[in-house]
């Protein structure tokens, strides 16, 4: 099936809906879903973004800009997963509790606005990964139009570029809680430390970075091409000083570089 065929299939599925909520993070996947849904449904679509300590402020602001650019209605809703002990205990299925909280809010908003369907940005590549959030989506009867159309991540980027969406080459983003190893408590303080640390590195010009929180140790993951900059003695001193101000005592750089979902390695 060509990308054009997949696009048409997705358009047809969404156009047949009476109305929809889009779970909108502002990432490449959900932005494409929102753009296609808005083109098909107009005012019968509402983008909803969850706000919590696990979502960087920079991503929240980006979602606002993107929704305005697309022309879609947009709502920010505060989610409370940080108050759920099942979530903060940080088990391997932590994402299930987070997504359940989000979808509970979306179902309420959908009912209030008379929009019977909820769409997410799951693509076909996501189906084979460790993603407990997919269980929550199934339980909430959330639709995944990208996956239903057979679109993988590269399809999403290619179609986003064709549609001139600014997110077509946006680096993948995961919630800040994914930086805390499984079994170690997720707290607002840890999430704030991670966000501040990553903001520092992004402000230095890095495009993709993860700061893993290992107690008083910060482990930086960045693409291999960026490692020389991080290890430059002058830059290293600046980073170390700023991270100490945040609360880290030691700063390390992972020699293997950036790996999405690297903390999932312990799951086998």
C-alpha atoms as a PDB file:
ATOM      1  CA  UNK A   1       0.000   0.000   0.000  1.00  0.00           C
ATOM      2  CA  UNK A   2       1.427   3.395  -0.970  1.00  0.00           C
ATOM      3  CA  UNK A   3       1.624   6.343   1.387  1.00  0.00           C
ATOM      4  CA  UNK A   4      -1.100   8.016  -0.677  1.00  0.00           C
ATOM      5  CA  UNK A   5      -3.343   4.979  -0.158  1.00  0.00           C
ATOM      6  CA  UNK A   6      -2.704   5.011   3.588  1.00  0.00           C
ATOM      7  CA  UNK A   7      -3.467   8.734   3.717  1.00  0.00           C
ATOM      8  CA  UNK A   8      -6.763   8.229   1.885  1.00  0.00           C
ATOM      9  CA  UNK A   9      -7.674   5.318   4.140  1.00  0.00           C
ATOM     10  CA  UNK A  10      -7.035   7.413   7.237  1.00  0.00           C
ATOM     11  CA  UNK A  11      -8.976  10.372   5.837  1.00  0.00           C
ATOM     12  CA  UNK A  12     -11.964   8.144   5.107  1.00  0.00           C
ATOM     13  CA  UNK A  13     -11.953   6.616   8.587  1.00  0.00           C
ATOM     14  CA  UNK A  14     -11.866   9.997  10.310  1.00  0.00           C
ATOM     15  CA  UNK A  15     -14.340  11.689   7.954  1.00  0.00           C
ATOM     16  CA  UNK A  16     -16.904   9.008   8.828  1.00  0.00           C
ATOM     17  CA  UNK A  17     -16.802   9.951  12.520  1.00  0.00           C
ATOM     18  CA  UNK A  18     -19.493  12.216  13.989  1.00  0.00           C
ATOM     19  CA  UNK A  19     -16.839  14.096  15.944  1.00  0.00           C
ATOM     20  CA  UNK A  20     -13.634  13.439  17.844  1.00  0.00           C
ATOM     21  CA  UNK A  21     -11.246  14.371  20.614  1.00  0.00           C
ATOM     22  CA  UNK A  22      -7.562  14.119  19.662  1.00  0.00           C
ATOM     23  CA  UNK A  23      -5.144  13.213  22.455  1.00  0.00           C
ATOM     24  CA  UNK A  24      -2.649  15.857  21.405  1.00  0.00           C
ATOM     25  CA  UNK A  25       0.923  15.998  22.697  1.00  0.00           C
ATOM     26  CA  UNK A  26       2.333  18.158  19.923  1.00  0.00           C
ATOM     27  CA  UNK A  27       4.604  15.350  18.744  1.00  0.00           C
ATOM     28  CA  UNK A  28       4.944  14.257  15.139  1.00  0.00           C
ATOM     29  CA  UNK A  29       2.270  11.541  15.391  1.00  0.00           C
ATOM     30  CA  UNK A  30      -0.548  13.373  17.154  1.00  0.00           C
ATOM     31  CA  UNK A  31       0.097  16.524  15.115  1.00  0.00           C
ATOM     32  CA  UNK A  32      -0.513  14.600  11.905  1.00  0.00           C
ATOM     33  CA  UNK A  33      -3.677  13.063  13.365  1.00  0.00           C
ATOM     34  CA  UNK A  34      -4.928  16.494  14.413  1.00  0.00           C
ATOM     35  CA  UNK A  35      -4.171  18.058  11.033  1.00  0.00           C
ATOM     36  CA  UNK A  36      -6.033  15.335   9.131  1.00  0.00           C
ATOM     37  CA  UNK A  37      -8.899  15.270  11.641  1.00  0.00           C
ATOM     38  CA  UNK A  38      -9.313  19.050  11.509  1.00  0.00           C
ATOM     39  CA  UNK A  39      -9.307  19.003   7.704  1.00  0.00           C
ATOM     40  CA  UNK A  40     -12.000  16.311   7.736  1.00  0.00           C
ATOM     41  CA  UNK A  41     -14.149  17.362  10.690  1.00  0.00           C
ATOM     42  CA  UNK A  42     -13.512  21.079  11.194  1.00  0.00           C
ATOM     43  CA  UNK A  43     -15.176  22.309  14.399  1.00  0.00           C
ATOM     44  CA  UNK A  44     -16.219  18.748  15.218  1.00  0.00           C
ATOM     45  CA  UNK A  45     -12.690  18.014  16.439  1.00  0.00           C
ATOM     46  CA  UNK A  46     -11.083  19.184  19.676  1.00  0.00           C
ATOM     47  CA  UNK A  47      -7.409  18.764  20.570  1.00  0.00           C
ATOM     48  CA  UNK A  48      -6.794  18.054  24.257  1.00  0.00           C
ATOM     49  CA  UNK A  49      -3.353  18.150  25.867  1.00  0.00           C
ATOM     50  CA  UNK A  50      -2.622  16.816  29.341  1.00  0.00           C
ATOM     51  CA  UNK A  51      -0.629  19.025  31.698  1.00  0.00           C
ATOM     52  CA  UNK A  52       1.339  17.385  34.504  1.00  0.00           C
ATOM     53  CA  UNK A  53       4.835  17.457  36.056  1.00  0.00           C
ATOM     54  CA  UNK A  54       5.899  14.748  33.580  1.00  0.00           C
ATOM     55  CA  UNK A  55       5.291  17.035  30.589  1.00  0.00           C
ATOM     56  CA  UNK A  56       7.998  19.664  29.946  1.00  0.00           C
ATOM     57  CA  UNK A  57       6.694  23.209  29.755  1.00  0.00           C
ATOM     58  CA  UNK A  58       8.421  23.582  26.381  1.00  0.00           C
ATOM     59  CA  UNK A  59       6.268  20.768  24.982  1.00  0.00           C
ATOM     60  CA  UNK A  60       3.092  22.279  26.381  1.00  0.00           C
ATOM     61  CA  UNK A  61       3.856  25.604  24.721  1.00  0.00           C
ATOM     62  CA  UNK A  62       4.693  23.825  21.466  1.00  0.00           C
ATOM     63  CA  UNK A  63       1.306  22.091  21.506  1.00  0.00           C
ATOM     64  CA  UNK A  64      -0.432  25.451  21.840  1.00  0.00           C
ATOM     65  CA  UNK A  65       1.462  26.893  18.878  1.00  0.00           C
ATOM     66  CA  UNK A  66       0.786  23.862  16.697  1.00  0.00           C
ATOM     67  CA  UNK A  67      -2.935  23.791  17.443  1.00  0.00           C
ATOM     68  CA  UNK A  68      -3.161  27.477  16.543  1.00  0.00           C
ATOM     69  CA  UNK A  69      -1.237  26.882  13.317  1.00  0.00           C
ATOM     70  CA  UNK A  70      -3.547  24.025  12.333  1.00  0.00           C
ATOM     71  CA  UNK A  71      -6.560  26.108  13.307  1.00  0.00           C
ATOM     72  CA  UNK A  72      -7.993  23.512  15.671  1.00  0.00           C
ATOM     73  CA  UNK A  73      -9.763  24.119  18.931  1.00  0.00           C
ATOM     74  CA  UNK A  74      -7.452  23.243  21.805  1.00  0.00           C
ATOM     75  CA  UNK A  75      -7.955  22.520  25.490  1.00  0.00           C
ATOM     76  CA  UNK A  76      -5.372  21.990  28.238  1.00  0.00           C
ATOM     77  CA  UNK A  77      -6.427  19.654  31.046  1.00  0.00           C
ATOM     78  CA  UNK A  78      -4.568  19.037  34.309  1.00  0.00           C
ATOM     79  CA  UNK A  79      -4.023  15.349  34.998  1.00  0.00           C
ATOM     80  CA  UNK A  80      -3.305  13.919  38.442  1.00  0.00           C
ATOM     81  CA  UNK A  81      -1.261  10.773  37.905  1.00  0.00           C
ATOM     82  CA  UNK A  82       1.466  12.155  40.194  1.00  0.00           C
ATOM     83  CA  UNK A  83      -0.984  11.613  43.088  1.00  0.00           C
ATOM     84  CA  UNK A  84      -1.584   7.966  42.191  1.00  0.00           C
ATOM     85  CA  UNK A  85       0.690   5.637  44.222  1.00  0.00           C
ATOM     86  CA  UNK A  86       0.422   2.970  41.515  1.00  0.00           C
ATOM     87  CA  UNK A  87       2.020   5.461  39.108  1.00  0.00           C
ATOM     88  CA  UNK A  88       4.615   6.962  41.447  1.00  0.00           C
ATOM     89  CA  UNK A  89       5.832   3.489  42.470  1.00  0.00           C
ATOM     90  CA  UNK A  90       7.148   3.402  38.891  1.00  0.00           C
ATOM     91  CA  UNK A  91       6.439  -0.210  37.924  1.00  0.00           C
ATOM     92  CA  UNK A  92       7.178  -1.481  34.437  1.00  0.00           C
ATOM     93  CA  UNK A  93       3.572  -0.699  33.462  1.00  0.00           C
ATOM     94  CA  UNK A  94       3.713   2.870  34.805  1.00  0.00           C
ATOM     95  CA  UNK A  95       2.441   4.196  31.464  1.00  0.00           C
ATOM     96  CA  UNK A  96      -0.795   2.283  31.949  1.00  0.00           C
ATOM     97  CA  UNK A  97      -1.723   4.363  34.977  1.00  0.00           C
ATOM     98  CA  UNK A  98      -0.737   7.620  33.297  1.00  0.00           C
ATOM     99  CA  UNK A  99      -2.715   6.903  30.127  1.00  0.00           C
ATOM    100  CA  UNK A 100      -5.716   5.656  32.108  1.00  0.00           C
ATOM    101  CA  UNK A 101      -5.768   8.974  33.954  1.00  0.00           C
ATOM    102  CA  UNK A 102      -5.517  10.911  30.681  1.00  0.00           C
ATOM    103  CA  UNK A 103      -8.195   8.897  28.904  1.00  0.00           C
ATOM    104  CA  UNK A 104     -10.563   9.254  31.871  1.00  0.00           C
ATOM    105  CA  UNK A 105     -10.291  13.022  31.442  1.00  0.00           C
ATOM    106  CA  UNK A 106     -10.715  12.760  27.678  1.00  0.00           C
ATOM    107  CA  UNK A 107     -13.842  10.617  28.029  1.00  0.00           C
ATOM    108  CA  UNK A 108     -15.351  13.217  30.356  1.00  0.00           C
ATOM    109  CA  UNK A 109     -14.476  16.059  27.976  1.00  0.00           C
ATOM    110  CA  UNK A 110     -15.774  14.076  25.006  1.00  0.00           C
ATOM    111  CA  UNK A 111     -19.104  13.613  26.766  1.00  0.00           C
ATOM    112  CA  UNK A 112     -19.321  17.291  27.725  1.00  0.00           C
ATOM    113  CA  UNK A 113     -18.654  18.421  24.148  1.00  0.00           C
ATOM    114  CA  UNK A 114     -20.754  15.795  22.400  1.00  0.00           C
ATOM    115  CA  UNK A 115     -17.733  14.320  20.632  1.00  0.00           C
ATOM    116  CA  UNK A 116     -18.122  10.538  20.864  1.00  0.00           C
ATOM    117  CA  UNK A 117     -14.704   9.377  19.626  1.00  0.00           C
ATOM    118  CA  UNK A 118     -11.159   9.709  20.983  1.00  0.00           C
ATOM    119  CA  UNK A 119      -8.149   9.482  18.661  1.00  0.00           C
ATOM    120  CA  UNK A 120      -4.508   8.977  19.597  1.00  0.00           C
ATOM    121  CA  UNK A 121      -1.221   9.065  17.714  1.00  0.00           C
ATOM    122  CA  UNK A 122      -0.229   5.406  17.946  1.00  0.00           C
ATOM    123  CA  UNK A 123       1.456   4.277  14.714  1.00  0.00           C
ATOM    124  CA  UNK A 124       2.088   0.737  13.486  1.00  0.00           C
ATOM    125  CA  UNK A 125       5.676   0.699  14.782  1.00  0.00           C
ATOM    126  CA  UNK A 126       4.397   1.284  18.319  1.00  0.00           C
ATOM    127  CA  UNK A 127       2.446  -1.961  18.329  1.00  0.00           C
ATOM    128  CA  UNK A 128       5.533  -4.139  18.774  1.00  0.00           C
ATOM    129  CA  UNK A 129       7.216  -2.118  21.536  1.00  0.00           C
ATOM    130  CA  UNK A 130       6.804  -2.276  25.327  1.00  0.00           C
ATOM    131  CA  UNK A 131       3.847   0.111  25.624  1.00  0.00           C
ATOM    132  CA  UNK A 132       1.457  -0.557  28.528  1.00  0.00           C
ATOM    133  CA  UNK A 133      -0.342   2.631  27.500  1.00  0.00           C
ATOM    134  CA  UNK A 134      -1.816   0.685  24.586  1.00  0.00           C
ATOM    135  CA  UNK A 135      -3.734  -1.444  27.092  1.00  0.00           C
ATOM    136  CA  UNK A 136      -5.252   1.712  28.570  1.00  0.00           C
ATOM    137  CA  UNK A 137      -6.179   2.885  25.073  1.00  0.00           C
ATOM    138  CA  UNK A 138      -7.912  -0.420  24.323  1.00  0.00           C
ATOM    139  CA  UNK A 139      -9.844  -0.269  27.598  1.00  0.00           C
ATOM    140  CA  UNK A 140     -10.973   3.293  26.838  1.00  0.00           C
ATOM    141  CA  UNK A 141     -11.922   2.318  23.265  1.00  0.00           C
ATOM    142  CA  UNK A 142      -9.548   4.903  21.818  1.00  0.00           C
ATOM    143  CA  UNK A 143      -9.059   4.832  18.049  1.00  0.00           C
ATOM    144  CA  UNK A 144      -5.582   4.777  16.484  1.00  0.00           C
ATOM    145  CA  UNK A 145      -6.083   5.992  12.898  1.00  0.00           C
ATOM    146  CA  UNK A 146      -2.375   5.958  12.028  1.00  0.00           C
ATOM    147  CA  UNK A 147      -1.980   2.313  13.031  1.00  0.00           C
ATOM    148  CA  UNK A 148      -5.327   1.412  11.458  1.00  0.00           C
ATOM    149  CA  UNK A 149      -4.100   2.841   8.145  1.00  0.00           C
ATOM    150  CA  UNK A 150      -0.838   0.886   8.427  1.00  0.00           C
ATOM    151  CA  UNK A 151       1.326   3.983   8.853  1.00  0.00           C
ATOM    152  CA  UNK A 152       4.703   3.490  10.498  1.00  0.00           C
ATOM    153  CA  UNK A 153       6.918   6.241  11.890  1.00  0.00           C
ATOM    154  CA  UNK A 154       8.636   6.947   8.576  1.00  0.00           C
ATOM    155  CA  UNK A 155       5.250   7.187   6.861  1.00  0.00           C
ATOM    156  CA  UNK A 156       4.171   9.702   9.480  1.00  0.00           C
ATOM    157  CA  UNK A 157       7.258  11.822   8.910  1.00  0.00           C
ATOM    158  CA  UNK A 158       6.987  11.617   5.114  1.00  0.00           C
ATOM    159  CA  UNK A 159       3.307  12.559   5.066  1.00  0.00           C
ATOM    160  CA  UNK A 160       3.872  15.319   7.615  1.00  0.00           C
ATOM    161  CA  UNK A 161       6.540  16.767   5.327  1.00  0.00           C
ATOM    162  CA  UNK A 162       4.188  16.558   2.336  1.00  0.00           C
ATOM    163  CA  UNK A 163       1.544  18.417   4.337  1.00  0.00           C
ATOM    164  CA  UNK A 164       4.173  20.978   5.422  1.00  0.00           C
ATOM    165  CA  UNK A 165       3.720  20.310   9.123  1.00  0.00           C
ATOM    166  CA  UNK A 166       6.647  21.724  11.134  1.00  0.00           C
ATOM    167  CA  UNK A 167       6.839  18.563  13.232  1.00  0.00           C
ATOM    168  CA  UNK A 168       7.853  16.301  10.325  1.00  0.00           C
ATOM    169  CA  UNK A 169      11.440  16.117  11.588  1.00  0.00           C
ATOM    170  CA  UNK A 170      10.795  16.743  15.282  1.00  0.00           C
ATOM    171  CA  UNK A 171      12.809  14.378  17.504  1.00  0.00           C
ATOM    172  CA  UNK A 172      10.862  11.730  19.393  1.00  0.00           C
ATOM    173  CA  UNK A 173       9.762  12.815  22.846  1.00  0.00           C
ATOM    174  CA  UNK A 174       8.833  10.697  25.851  1.00  0.00           C
ATOM    175  CA  UNK A 175       7.461  11.861  29.187  1.00  0.00           C
ATOM    176  CA  UNK A 176       9.954  12.907  31.847  1.00  0.00           C
ATOM    177  CA  UNK A 177       9.019   9.962  34.078  1.00  0.00           C
ATOM    178  CA  UNK A 178      10.648   7.679  31.500  1.00  0.00           C
ATOM    179  CA  UNK A 179      14.004   9.073  32.695  1.00  0.00           C
ATOM    180  CA  UNK A 180      13.570   7.456  36.134  1.00  0.00           C
ATOM    181  CA  UNK A 181      14.559   3.756  36.357  1.00  0.00           C
ATOM    182  CA  UNK A 182      11.716   1.341  37.021  1.00  0.00           C
ATOM    183  CA  UNK A 183      11.156   0.694  40.710  1.00  0.00           C
ATOM    184  CA  UNK A 184      12.497   4.078  41.783  1.00  0.00           C
ATOM    185  CA  UNK A 185       9.792   6.476  42.951  1.00  0.00           C
ATOM    186  CA  UNK A 186       8.618   9.161  40.549  1.00  0.00           C
ATOM    187  CA  UNK A 187       8.340  12.500  42.351  1.00  0.00           C
ATOM    188  CA  UNK A 188       7.629  16.051  41.289  1.00  0.00           C
ATOM    189  CA  UNK A 189      11.099  17.039  42.473  1.00  0.00           C
ATOM    190  CA  UNK A 190      12.826  14.453  40.273  1.00  0.00           C
ATOM    191  CA  UNK A 191      10.760  15.433  37.239  1.00  0.00           C
ATOM    192  CA  UNK A 192      11.587  19.097  37.787  1.00  0.00           C
ATOM    193  CA  UNK A 193      15.312  18.291  38.043  1.00  0.00           C
ATOM    194  CA  UNK A 194      15.166  16.328  34.797  1.00  0.00           C
ATOM    195  CA  UNK A 195      13.283  19.070  32.960  1.00  0.00           C
ATOM    196  CA  UNK A 196      15.693  21.782  34.113  1.00  0.00           C
ATOM    197  CA  UNK A 197      18.723  19.666  33.181  1.00  0.00           C
ATOM    198  CA  UNK A 198      17.410  18.893  29.705  1.00  0.00           C
ATOM    199  CA  UNK A 199      16.495  22.547  29.159  1.00  0.00           C
ATOM    200  CA  UNK A 200      20.125  23.450  29.882  1.00  0.00           C
ATOM    201  CA  UNK A 201      21.424  21.004  27.277  1.00  0.00           C
ATOM    202  CA  UNK A 202      18.826  21.977  24.683  1.00  0.00           C
ATOM    203  CA  UNK A 203      19.789  25.591  25.289  1.00  0.00           C
ATOM    204  CA  UNK A 204      23.377  24.664  24.420  1.00  0.00           C
ATOM    205  CA  UNK A 205      22.287  23.504  20.981  1.00  0.00           C
ATOM    206  CA  UNK A 206      21.547  19.804  21.428  1.00  0.00           C
ATOM    207  CA  UNK A 207      18.503  18.695  19.448  1.00  0.00           C
ATOM    208  CA  UNK A 208      17.844  15.358  21.122  1.00  0.00           C
ATOM    209  CA  UNK A 209      18.800  14.503  24.679  1.00  0.00           C
ATOM    210  CA  UNK A 210      17.731  12.465  27.687  1.00  0.00           C
ATOM    211  CA  UNK A 211      18.880  13.070  31.251  1.00  0.00           C
ATOM    212  CA  UNK A 212      18.385   9.835  33.190  1.00  0.00           C
ATOM    213  CA  UNK A 213      17.879  10.337  36.933  1.00  0.00           C
ATOM    214  CA  UNK A 214      19.918   7.897  39.032  1.00  0.00           C
ATOM    215  CA  UNK A 215      19.602   9.445  42.482  1.00  0.00           C
ATOM    216  CA  UNK A 216      22.372  12.019  42.816  1.00  0.00           C
ATOM    217  CA  UNK A 217      23.799  10.972  39.416  1.00  0.00           C
ATOM    218  CA  UNK A 218      22.645  12.481  36.117  1.00  0.00           C
ATOM    219  CA  UNK A 219      23.337  10.260  33.105  1.00  0.00           C
ATOM    220  CA  UNK A 220      23.221  12.207  29.844  1.00  0.00           C
ATOM    221  CA  UNK A 221      22.236  10.419  26.640  1.00  0.00           C
ATOM    222  CA  UNK A 222      22.835  12.362  23.427  1.00  0.00           C
ATOM    223  CA  UNK A 223      23.550  11.410  19.799  1.00  0.00           C
ATOM    224  CA  UNK A 224      27.116  10.210  19.196  1.00  0.00           C
ATOM    225  CA  UNK A 225      27.893  13.315  17.133  1.00  0.00           C
ATOM    226  CA  UNK A 226      27.208  15.505  20.176  1.00  0.00           C
ATOM    227  CA  UNK A 227      29.441  13.598  22.589  1.00  0.00           C
ATOM    228  CA  UNK A 228      32.622  15.578  21.747  1.00  0.00           C
ATOM    229  CA  UNK A 229      30.846  18.808  22.671  1.00  0.00           C
ATOM    230  CA  UNK A 230      29.636  17.373  25.968  1.00  0.00           C
ATOM    231  CA  UNK A 231      33.117  16.085  26.792  1.00  0.00           C
ATOM    232  CA  UNK A 232      34.912  19.308  25.899  1.00  0.00           C
ATOM    233  CA  UNK A 233      36.592  20.293  29.202  1.00  0.00           C
ATOM    234  CA  UNK A 234      35.207  23.830  29.234  1.00  0.00           C
ATOM    235  CA  UNK A 235      31.675  22.764  28.333  1.00  0.00           C
ATOM    236  CA  UNK A 236      31.836  19.888  30.806  1.00  0.00           C
ATOM    237  CA  UNK A 237      32.663  22.281  33.649  1.00  0.00           C
ATOM    238  CA  UNK A 238      29.720  24.505  32.727  1.00  0.00           C
ATOM    239  CA  UNK A 239      27.333  21.552  32.576  1.00  0.00           C
ATOM    240  CA  UNK A 240      28.614  20.096  35.837  1.00  0.00           C
ATOM    241  CA  UNK A 241      28.215  23.425  37.627  1.00  0.00           C
ATOM    242  CA  UNK A 242      24.678  23.984  36.366  1.00  0.00           C
ATOM    243  CA  UNK A 243      23.599  20.435  37.160  1.00  0.00           C
ATOM    244  CA  UNK A 244      24.938  20.816  40.702  1.00  0.00           C
ATOM    245  CA  UNK A 245      22.744  23.884  41.103  1.00  0.00           C
ATOM    246  CA  UNK A 246      19.778  21.718  40.176  1.00  0.00           C
ATOM    247  CA  UNK A 247      20.677  19.119  42.814  1.00  0.00           C
ATOM    248  CA  UNK A 248      22.785  16.485  41.060  1.00  0.00           C
ATOM    249  CA  UNK A 249      26.121  15.637  42.677  1.00  0.00           C
ATOM    250  CA  UNK A 250      27.644  13.754  39.756  1.00  0.00           C
ATOM    251  CA  UNK A 251      27.226  14.154  35.992  1.00  0.00           C
ATOM    252  CA  UNK A 252      28.005  11.374  33.524  1.00  0.00           C
ATOM    253  CA  UNK A 253      27.761  10.987  29.754  1.00  0.00           C
ATOM    254  CA  UNK A 254      26.613   7.613  28.411  1.00  0.00           C
ATOM    255  CA  UNK A 255      29.268   6.359  25.969  1.00  0.00           C
ATOM    256  CA  UNK A 256      26.622   4.559  23.885  1.00  0.00           C
ATOM    257  CA  UNK A 257      24.838   7.818  23.199  1.00  0.00           C
ATOM    258  CA  UNK A 258      21.103   8.394  22.824  1.00  0.00           C
ATOM    259  CA  UNK A 259      18.834   5.334  22.872  1.00  0.00           C
ATOM    260  CA  UNK A 260      15.094   5.757  22.998  1.00  0.00           C
ATOM    261  CA  UNK A 261      13.661   3.619  25.785  1.00  0.00           C
ATOM    262  CA  UNK A 262      17.078   2.591  27.085  1.00  0.00           C
ATOM    263  CA  UNK A 263      15.667   1.961  30.563  1.00  0.00           C
ATOM    264  CA  UNK A 264      13.464  -0.761  29.055  1.00  0.00           C
ATOM    265  CA  UNK A 265      16.592  -2.903  28.626  1.00  0.00           C
ATOM    266  CA  UNK A 266      16.151  -4.185  32.183  1.00  0.00           C
ATOM    267  CA  UNK A 267      12.831  -5.723  31.123  1.00  0.00           C
ATOM    268  CA  UNK A 268      14.621  -8.093  28.759  1.00  0.00           C
END
